[in-house]
Amino acid sequence: MDKRKISLADLYKEKMQQLSPGRQLIQDLMDATGRSEVTVRLWISGKFKPEPIIQNIIADTLGVDAASLFPINEHQ
């Protein structure tokens, strides 16, 4: 197998342009739902829940059950 030929400085620049896993999750949810970063962050924080159709889009995007992503909180 041939190894890549890249300088350490260029490799560093390449890695710095990549999104962190958390930031990538936010971007993926923004792309899937068409909602803003602020809205996605509000969902993640639990301050707001997306409407049911958006919950299903998020669940499909992540491959996770919607009910587990957005559990019903009896204290709300």
PDB file of N, CA and C in Angstrom:
ATOM      1  N   MET A   1       0.832  -1.170   0.000  1.00  0.00           N
ATOM      2  CA  MET A   1       0.000   0.000   0.000  1.00  0.00           C
ATOM      3  C   MET A   1       0.886   1.246   0.000  1.00  0.00           C
ATOM      4  N   ASP A   2       0.587   2.162  -0.889  1.00  0.00           N
ATOM      5  CA  ASP A   2       1.347   3.410  -0.949  1.00  0.00           C
ATOM      6  C   ASP A   2       0.903   4.344   0.168  1.00  0.00           C
ATOM      7  N   LYS A   3       1.855   4.995   0.764  1.00  0.00           N
ATOM      8  CA  LYS A   3       1.552   5.956   1.820  1.00  0.00           C
ATOM      9  C   LYS A   3       1.393   7.345   1.224  1.00  0.00           C
ATOM     10  N   ARG A   4       0.573   8.132   1.852  1.00  0.00           N
ATOM     11  CA  ARG A   4       0.373   9.517   1.406  1.00  0.00           C
ATOM     12  C   ARG A   4       1.663  10.297   1.533  1.00  0.00           C
ATOM     13  N   LYS A   5       1.815  11.246   0.647  1.00  0.00           N
ATOM     14  CA  LYS A   5       2.956  12.154   0.724  1.00  0.00           C
ATOM     15  C   LYS A   5       2.394  13.535   1.028  1.00  0.00           C
ATOM     16  N   ILE A   6       2.595  13.951   2.286  1.00  0.00           N
ATOM     17  CA  ILE A   6       2.066  15.234   2.737  1.00  0.00           C
ATOM     18  C   ILE A   6       2.947  15.739   3.871  1.00  0.00           C
ATOM     19  N   SER A   7       3.174  17.039   3.895  1.00  0.00           N
ATOM     20  CA  SER A   7       3.991  17.599   4.969  1.00  0.00           C
ATOM     21  C   SER A   7       3.191  17.613   6.269  1.00  0.00           C
ATOM     22  N   LEU A   8       3.889  17.653   7.362  1.00  0.00           N
ATOM     23  CA  LEU A   8       3.236  17.693   8.662  1.00  0.00           C
ATOM     24  C   LEU A   8       2.379  18.954   8.783  1.00  0.00           C
ATOM     25  N   ALA A   9       2.894  20.071   8.281  1.00  0.00           N
ATOM     26  CA  ALA A   9       2.144  21.328   8.331  1.00  0.00           C
ATOM     27  C   ALA A   9       0.853  21.219   7.524  1.00  0.00           C
ATOM     28  N   ASP A  10       0.920  20.626   6.339  1.00  0.00           N
ATOM     29  CA  ASP A  10      -0.283  20.470   5.516  1.00  0.00           C
ATOM     30  C   ASP A  10      -1.266  19.481   6.144  1.00  0.00           C
ATOM     31  N   LEU A  11      -0.755  18.438   6.761  1.00  0.00           N
ATOM     32  CA  LEU A  11      -1.614  17.475   7.446  1.00  0.00           C
ATOM     33  C   LEU A  11      -2.343  18.155   8.609  1.00  0.00           C
ATOM     34  N   TYR A  12      -1.618  18.996   9.335  1.00  0.00           N
ATOM     35  CA  TYR A  12      -2.220  19.741  10.433  1.00  0.00           C
ATOM     36  C   TYR A  12      -3.330  20.653   9.918  1.00  0.00           C
ATOM     37  N   LYS A  13      -3.070  21.387   8.851  1.00  0.00           N
ATOM     38  CA  LYS A  13      -4.076  22.279   8.262  1.00  0.00           C
ATOM     39  C   LYS A  13      -5.308  21.488   7.819  1.00  0.00           C
ATOM     40  N   GLU A  14      -5.075  20.337   7.236  1.00  0.00           N
ATOM     41  CA  GLU A  14      -6.170  19.477   6.786  1.00  0.00           C
ATOM     42  C   GLU A  14      -7.030  19.030   7.970  1.00  0.00           C
ATOM     43  N   LYS A  15      -6.375  18.610   9.047  1.00  0.00           N
ATOM     44  CA  LYS A  15      -7.100  18.150  10.231  1.00  0.00           C
ATOM     45  C   LYS A  15      -7.859  19.292  10.907  1.00  0.00           C
ATOM     46  N   MET A  16      -7.297  20.486  10.899  1.00  0.00           N
ATOM     47  CA  MET A  16      -7.940  21.636  11.534  1.00  0.00           C
ATOM     48  C   MET A  16      -9.204  22.061  10.792  1.00  0.00           C
ATOM     49  N   GLN A  17      -9.314  21.712   9.531  1.00  0.00           N
ATOM     50  CA  GLN A  17     -10.490  22.063   8.743  1.00  0.00           C
ATOM     51  C   GLN A  17     -11.638  21.075   8.959  1.00  0.00           C
ATOM     52  N   GLN A  18     -11.346  19.939   9.560  1.00  0.00           N
ATOM     53  CA  GLN A  18     -12.379  18.938   9.807  1.00  0.00           C
ATOM     54  C   GLN A  18     -13.187  19.333  11.040  1.00  0.00           C
ATOM     55  N   LEU A  19     -14.453  19.009  11.015  1.00  0.00           N
ATOM     56  CA  LEU A  19     -15.322  19.313  12.144  1.00  0.00           C
ATOM     57  C   LEU A  19     -15.124  18.299  13.262  1.00  0.00           C
ATOM     58  N   SER A  20     -15.284  18.770  14.498  1.00  0.00           N
ATOM     59  CA  SER A  20     -15.263  17.851  15.635  1.00  0.00           C
ATOM     60  C   SER A  20     -16.510  16.971  15.548  1.00  0.00           C
ATOM     61  N   PRO A  21     -16.511  15.821  16.214  1.00  0.00           N
ATOM     62  CA  PRO A  21     -17.696  14.952  16.148  1.00  0.00           C
ATOM     63  C   PRO A  21     -18.985  15.653  16.590  1.00  0.00           C
ATOM     64  N   GLY A  22     -18.916  16.462  17.636  1.00  0.00           N
ATOM     65  CA  GLY A  22     -20.099  17.181  18.092  1.00  0.00           C
ATOM     66  C   GLY A  22     -20.572  18.205  17.082  1.00  0.00           C
ATOM     67  N   ARG A  23     -19.629  18.924  16.517  1.00  0.00           N
ATOM     68  CA  ARG A  23     -19.961  19.928  15.497  1.00  0.00           C
ATOM     69  C   ARG A  23     -20.504  19.245  14.251  1.00  0.00           C
ATOM     70  N   GLN A  24     -19.973  18.085  13.917  1.00  0.00           N
ATOM     71  CA  GLN A  24     -20.457  17.333  12.758  1.00  0.00           C
ATOM     72  C   GLN A  24     -21.901  16.890  12.980  1.00  0.00           C
ATOM     73  N   LEU A  25     -22.221  16.474  14.202  1.00  0.00           N
ATOM     74  CA  LEU A  25     -23.596  16.087  14.523  1.00  0.00           C
ATOM     75  C   LEU A  25     -24.543  17.267  14.315  1.00  0.00           C
ATOM     76  N   ILE A  26     -24.157  18.424  14.810  1.00  0.00           N
ATOM     77  CA  ILE A  26     -24.985  19.621  14.628  1.00  0.00           C
ATOM     78  C   ILE A  26     -25.172  19.911  13.152  1.00  0.00           C
ATOM     79  N   GLN A  27     -24.092  19.850  12.386  1.00  0.00           N
ATOM     80  CA  GLN A  27     -24.176  20.118  10.948  1.00  0.00           C
ATOM     81  C   GLN A  27     -25.076  19.100  10.253  1.00  0.00           C
ATOM     82  N   ASP A  28     -24.944  17.837  10.619  1.00  0.00           N
ATOM     83  CA  ASP A  28     -25.784  16.789  10.018  1.00  0.00           C
ATOM     84  C   ASP A  28     -27.267  17.044  10.297  1.00  0.00           C
ATOM     85  N   LEU A  29     -27.574  17.449  11.531  1.00  0.00           N
ATOM     86  CA  LEU A  29     -28.972  17.720  11.877  1.00  0.00           C
ATOM     87  C   LEU A  29     -29.488  18.971  11.174  1.00  0.00           C
ATOM     88  N   MET A  30     -28.638  19.971  11.042  1.00  0.00           N
ATOM     89  CA  MET A  30     -29.026  21.170  10.288  1.00  0.00           C
ATOM     90  C   MET A  30     -29.329  20.807   8.836  1.00  0.00           C
ATOM     91  N   ASP A  31     -28.468  19.999   8.246  1.00  0.00           N
ATOM     92  CA  ASP A  31     -28.651  19.588   6.848  1.00  0.00           C
ATOM     93  C   ASP A  31     -29.920  18.757   6.674  1.00  0.00           C
ATOM     94  N   ALA A  32     -30.161  17.847   7.597  1.00  0.00           N
ATOM     95  CA  ALA A  32     -31.307  16.940   7.472  1.00  0.00           C
ATOM     96  C   ALA A  32     -32.642  17.648   7.685  1.00  0.00           C
ATOM     97  N   THR A  33     -32.647  18.643   8.578  1.00  0.00           N
ATOM     98  CA  THR A  33     -33.915  19.276   8.953  1.00  0.00           C
ATOM     99  C   THR A  33     -34.134  20.649   8.338  1.00  0.00           C
ATOM    100  N   GLY A  34     -33.069  21.253   7.832  1.00  0.00           N
ATOM    101  CA  GLY A  34     -33.186  22.607   7.297  1.00  0.00           C
ATOM    102  C   GLY A  34     -33.333  23.662   8.382  1.00  0.00           C
ATOM    103  N   ARG A  35     -33.005  23.310   9.615  1.00  0.00           N
ATOM    104  CA  ARG A  35     -33.135  24.246  10.732  1.00  0.00           C
ATOM    105  C   ARG A  35     -31.781  24.880  11.044  1.00  0.00           C
ATOM    106  N   SER A  36     -31.814  25.955  11.807  1.00  0.00           N
ATOM    107  CA  SER A  36     -30.603  26.706  12.137  1.00  0.00           C
ATOM    108  C   SER A  36     -29.791  26.010  13.227  1.00  0.00           C
ATOM    109  N   GLU A  37     -28.553  26.451  13.363  1.00  0.00           N
ATOM    110  CA  GLU A  37     -27.693  25.917  14.420  1.00  0.00           C
ATOM    111  C   GLU A  37     -28.283  26.215  15.798  1.00  0.00           C
ATOM    112  N   VAL A  38     -28.827  27.411  15.969  1.00  0.00           N
ATOM    113  CA  VAL A  38     -29.435  27.771  17.253  1.00  0.00           C
ATOM    114  C   VAL A  38     -30.563  26.800  17.599  1.00  0.00           C
ATOM    115  N   THR A  39     -31.411  26.511  16.629  1.00  0.00           N
ATOM    116  CA  THR A  39     -32.526  25.588  16.858  1.00  0.00           C
ATOM    117  C   THR A  39     -32.024  24.202  17.232  1.00  0.00           C
ATOM    118  N   VAL A  40     -31.045  23.700  16.500  1.00  0.00           N
ATOM    119  CA  VAL A  40     -30.501  22.367  16.789  1.00  0.00           C
ATOM    120  C   VAL A  40     -29.898  22.338  18.191  1.00  0.00           C
ATOM    121  N   ARG A  41     -29.195  23.385  18.564  1.00  0.00           N
ATOM    122  CA  ARG A  41     -28.603  23.435  19.908  1.00  0.00           C
ATOM    123  C   ARG A  41     -29.684  23.469  20.998  1.00  0.00           C
ATOM    124  N   LEU A  42     -30.793  24.128  20.718  1.00  0.00           N
ATOM    125  CA  LEU A  42     -31.907  24.139  21.675  1.00  0.00           C
ATOM    126  C   LEU A  42     -32.496  22.743  21.840  1.00  0.00           C
ATOM    127  N   TRP A  43     -32.580  21.992  20.754  1.00  0.00           N
ATOM    128  CA  TRP A  43     -33.047  20.602  20.844  1.00  0.00           C
ATOM    129  C   TRP A  43     -32.091  19.777  21.694  1.00  0.00           C
ATOM    130  N   ILE A  44     -30.798  19.932  21.410  1.00  0.00           N
ATOM    131  CA  ILE A  44     -29.786  19.151  22.127  1.00  0.00           C
ATOM    132  C   ILE A  44     -29.827  19.471  23.619  1.00  0.00           C
ATOM    133  N   SER A  45     -30.011  20.739  23.951  1.00  0.00           N
ATOM    134  CA  SER A  45     -30.039  21.146  25.360  1.00  0.00           C
ATOM    135  C   SER A  45     -31.308  20.693  26.072  1.00  0.00           C
ATOM    136  N   GLY A  46     -32.321  20.305  25.301  1.00  0.00           N
ATOM    137  CA  GLY A  46     -33.586  19.884  25.886  1.00  0.00           C
ATOM    138  C   GLY A  46     -34.538  21.030  26.176  1.00  0.00           C
ATOM    139  N   LYS A  47     -34.150  22.257  25.799  1.00  0.00           N
ATOM    140  CA  LYS A  47     -35.023  23.410  26.044  1.00  0.00           C
ATOM    141  C   LYS A  47     -36.247  23.399  25.146  1.00  0.00           C
ATOM    142  N   PHE A  48     -36.088  22.835  23.964  1.00  0.00           N
ATOM    143  CA  PHE A  48     -37.195  22.710  23.025  1.00  0.00           C
ATOM    144  C   PHE A  48     -37.150  21.335  22.387  1.00  0.00           C
ATOM    145  N   LYS A  49     -38.321  20.867  21.977  1.00  0.00           N
ATOM    146  CA  LYS A  49     -38.409  19.617  21.215  1.00  0.00           C
ATOM    147  C   LYS A  49     -38.892  19.954  19.819  1.00  0.00           C
ATOM    148  N   PRO A  50     -38.320  19.309  18.827  1.00  0.00           N
ATOM    149  CA  PRO A  50     -38.825  19.526  17.467  1.00  0.00           C
ATOM    150  C   PRO A  50     -40.206  18.892  17.308  1.00  0.00           C
ATOM    151  N   GLU A  51     -40.939  19.376  16.316  1.00  0.00           N
ATOM    152  CA  GLU A  51     -42.245  18.792  16.041  1.00  0.00           C
ATOM    153  C   GLU A  51     -42.055  17.327  15.628  1.00  0.00           C
ATOM    154  N   PRO A  52     -43.096  16.509  15.774  1.00  0.00           N
ATOM    155  CA  PRO A  52     -42.966  15.062  15.546  1.00  0.00           C
ATOM    156  C   PRO A  52     -42.370  14.675  14.191  1.00  0.00           C
ATOM    157  N   ILE A  53     -42.741  15.356  13.122  1.00  0.00           N
ATOM    158  CA  ILE A  53     -42.185  14.976  11.815  1.00  0.00           C
ATOM    159  C   ILE A  53     -40.676  15.216  11.767  1.00  0.00           C
ATOM    160  N   ILE A  54     -40.223  16.282  12.424  1.00  0.00           N
ATOM    161  CA  ILE A  54     -38.784  16.569  12.480  1.00  0.00           C
ATOM    162  C   ILE A  54     -38.095  15.567  13.402  1.00  0.00           C
ATOM    163  N   GLN A  55     -38.761  15.167  14.476  1.00  0.00           N
ATOM    164  CA  GLN A  55     -38.195  14.130  15.344  1.00  0.00           C
ATOM    165  C   GLN A  55     -37.933  12.861  14.543  1.00  0.00           C
ATOM    166  N   ASN A  56     -38.864  12.504  13.669  1.00  0.00           N
ATOM    167  CA  ASN A  56     -38.687  11.304  12.841  1.00  0.00           C
ATOM    168  C   ASN A  56     -37.550  11.468  11.846  1.00  0.00           C
ATOM    169  N   ILE A  57     -37.400  12.651  11.278  1.00  0.00           N
ATOM    170  CA  ILE A  57     -36.280  12.907  10.360  1.00  0.00           C
ATOM    171  C   ILE A  57     -34.961  12.757  11.107  1.00  0.00           C
ATOM    172  N   ILE A  58     -34.889  13.325  12.299  1.00  0.00           N
ATOM    173  CA  ILE A  58     -33.671  13.229  13.106  1.00  0.00           C
ATOM    174  C   ILE A  58     -33.387  11.771  13.456  1.00  0.00           C
ATOM    175  N   ALA A  59     -34.406  11.054  13.878  1.00  0.00           N
ATOM    176  CA  ALA A  59     -34.237   9.641  14.234  1.00  0.00           C
ATOM    177  C   ALA A  59     -33.732   8.832  13.043  1.00  0.00           C
ATOM    178  N   ASP A  60     -34.305   9.069  11.865  1.00  0.00           N
ATOM    179  CA  ASP A  60     -33.862   8.360  10.663  1.00  0.00           C
ATOM    180  C   ASP A  60     -32.426   8.722  10.312  1.00  0.00           C
ATOM    181  N   THR A  61     -32.085   9.996  10.436  1.00  0.00           N
ATOM    182  CA  THR A  61     -30.730  10.458  10.127  1.00  0.00           C
ATOM    183  C   THR A  61     -29.703   9.792  11.033  1.00  0.00           C
ATOM    184  N   LEU A  62     -30.049   9.657  12.300  1.00  0.00           N
ATOM    185  CA  LEU A  62     -29.108   9.110  13.285  1.00  0.00           C
ATOM    186  C   LEU A  62     -29.228   7.601  13.469  1.00  0.00           C
ATOM    187  N   GLY A  63     -30.298   7.016  12.940  1.00  0.00           N
ATOM    188  CA  GLY A  63     -30.508   5.587  13.124  1.00  0.00           C
ATOM    189  C   GLY A  63     -30.848   5.229  14.558  1.00  0.00           C
ATOM    190  N   VAL A  64     -31.606   6.120  15.203  1.00  0.00           N
ATOM    191  CA  VAL A  64     -31.966   5.944  16.606  1.00  0.00           C
ATOM    192  C   VAL A  64     -33.477   6.108  16.738  1.00  0.00           C
ATOM    193  N   ASP A  65     -34.073   5.419  17.695  1.00  0.00           N
ATOM    194  CA  ASP A  65     -35.505   5.518  17.943  1.00  0.00           C
ATOM    195  C   ASP A  65     -35.865   6.927  18.415  1.00  0.00           C
ATOM    196  N   ALA A  66     -36.863   7.536  17.795  1.00  0.00           N
ATOM    197  CA  ALA A  66     -37.268   8.910  18.125  1.00  0.00           C
ATOM    198  C   ALA A  66     -37.694   9.039  19.583  1.00  0.00           C
ATOM    199  N   ALA A  67     -38.384   8.039  20.100  1.00  0.00           N
ATOM    200  CA  ALA A  67     -38.848   8.106  21.492  1.00  0.00           C
ATOM    201  C   ALA A  67     -37.688   8.159  22.474  1.00  0.00           C
ATOM    202  N   SER A  68     -36.593   7.512  22.151  1.00  0.00           N
ATOM    203  CA  SER A  68     -35.436   7.564  23.049  1.00  0.00           C
ATOM    204  C   SER A  68     -34.678   8.884  22.903  1.00  0.00           C
ATOM    205  N   LEU A  69     -34.717   9.473  21.709  1.00  0.00           N
ATOM    206  CA  LEU A  69     -34.064  10.769  21.506  1.00  0.00           C
ATOM    207  C   LEU A  69     -34.805  11.884  22.228  1.00  0.00           C
ATOM    208  N   PHE A  70     -36.121  11.798  22.226  1.00  0.00           N
ATOM    209  CA  PHE A  70     -36.962  12.852  22.787  1.00  0.00           C
ATOM    210  C   PHE A  70     -37.963  12.252  23.770  1.00  0.00           C
ATOM    211  N   PRO A  71     -37.478  11.793  24.937  1.00  0.00           N
ATOM    212  CA  PRO A  71     -38.384  11.162  25.899  1.00  0.00           C
ATOM    213  C   PRO A  71     -39.385  12.178  26.446  1.00  0.00           C
ATOM    214  N   ILE A  72     -40.538  11.682  26.824  1.00  0.00           N
ATOM    215  CA  ILE A  72     -41.565  12.540  27.415  1.00  0.00           C
ATOM    216  C   ILE A  72     -41.149  12.849  28.843  1.00  0.00           C
ATOM    217  N   ASN A  73     -41.052  14.131  29.135  1.00  0.00           N
ATOM    218  CA  ASN A  73     -40.668  14.567  30.473  1.00  0.00           C
ATOM    219  C   ASN A  73     -41.937  14.958  31.214  1.00  0.00           C
ATOM    220  N   GLU A  74     -42.251  14.250  32.266  1.00  0.00           N
ATOM    221  CA  GLU A  74     -43.486  14.489  33.007  1.00  0.00           C
ATOM    222  C   GLU A  74     -43.471  15.818  33.749  1.00  0.00           C
ATOM    223  N   HIS A  75     -42.301  16.435  33.896  1.00  0.00           N
ATOM    224  CA  HIS A  75     -42.186  17.676  34.660  1.00  0.00           C
ATOM    225  C   HIS A  75     -42.315  18.916  33.790  1.00  0.00           C
ATOM    226  N   GLN A  76     -42.596  18.754  32.512  1.00  0.00           N
ATOM    227  CA  GLN A  76     -42.714  19.926  31.635  1.00  0.00           C
ATOM    228  C   GLN A  76     -44.115  20.442  31.631  1.00  0.00           C
TER     229      GLN A  76
END
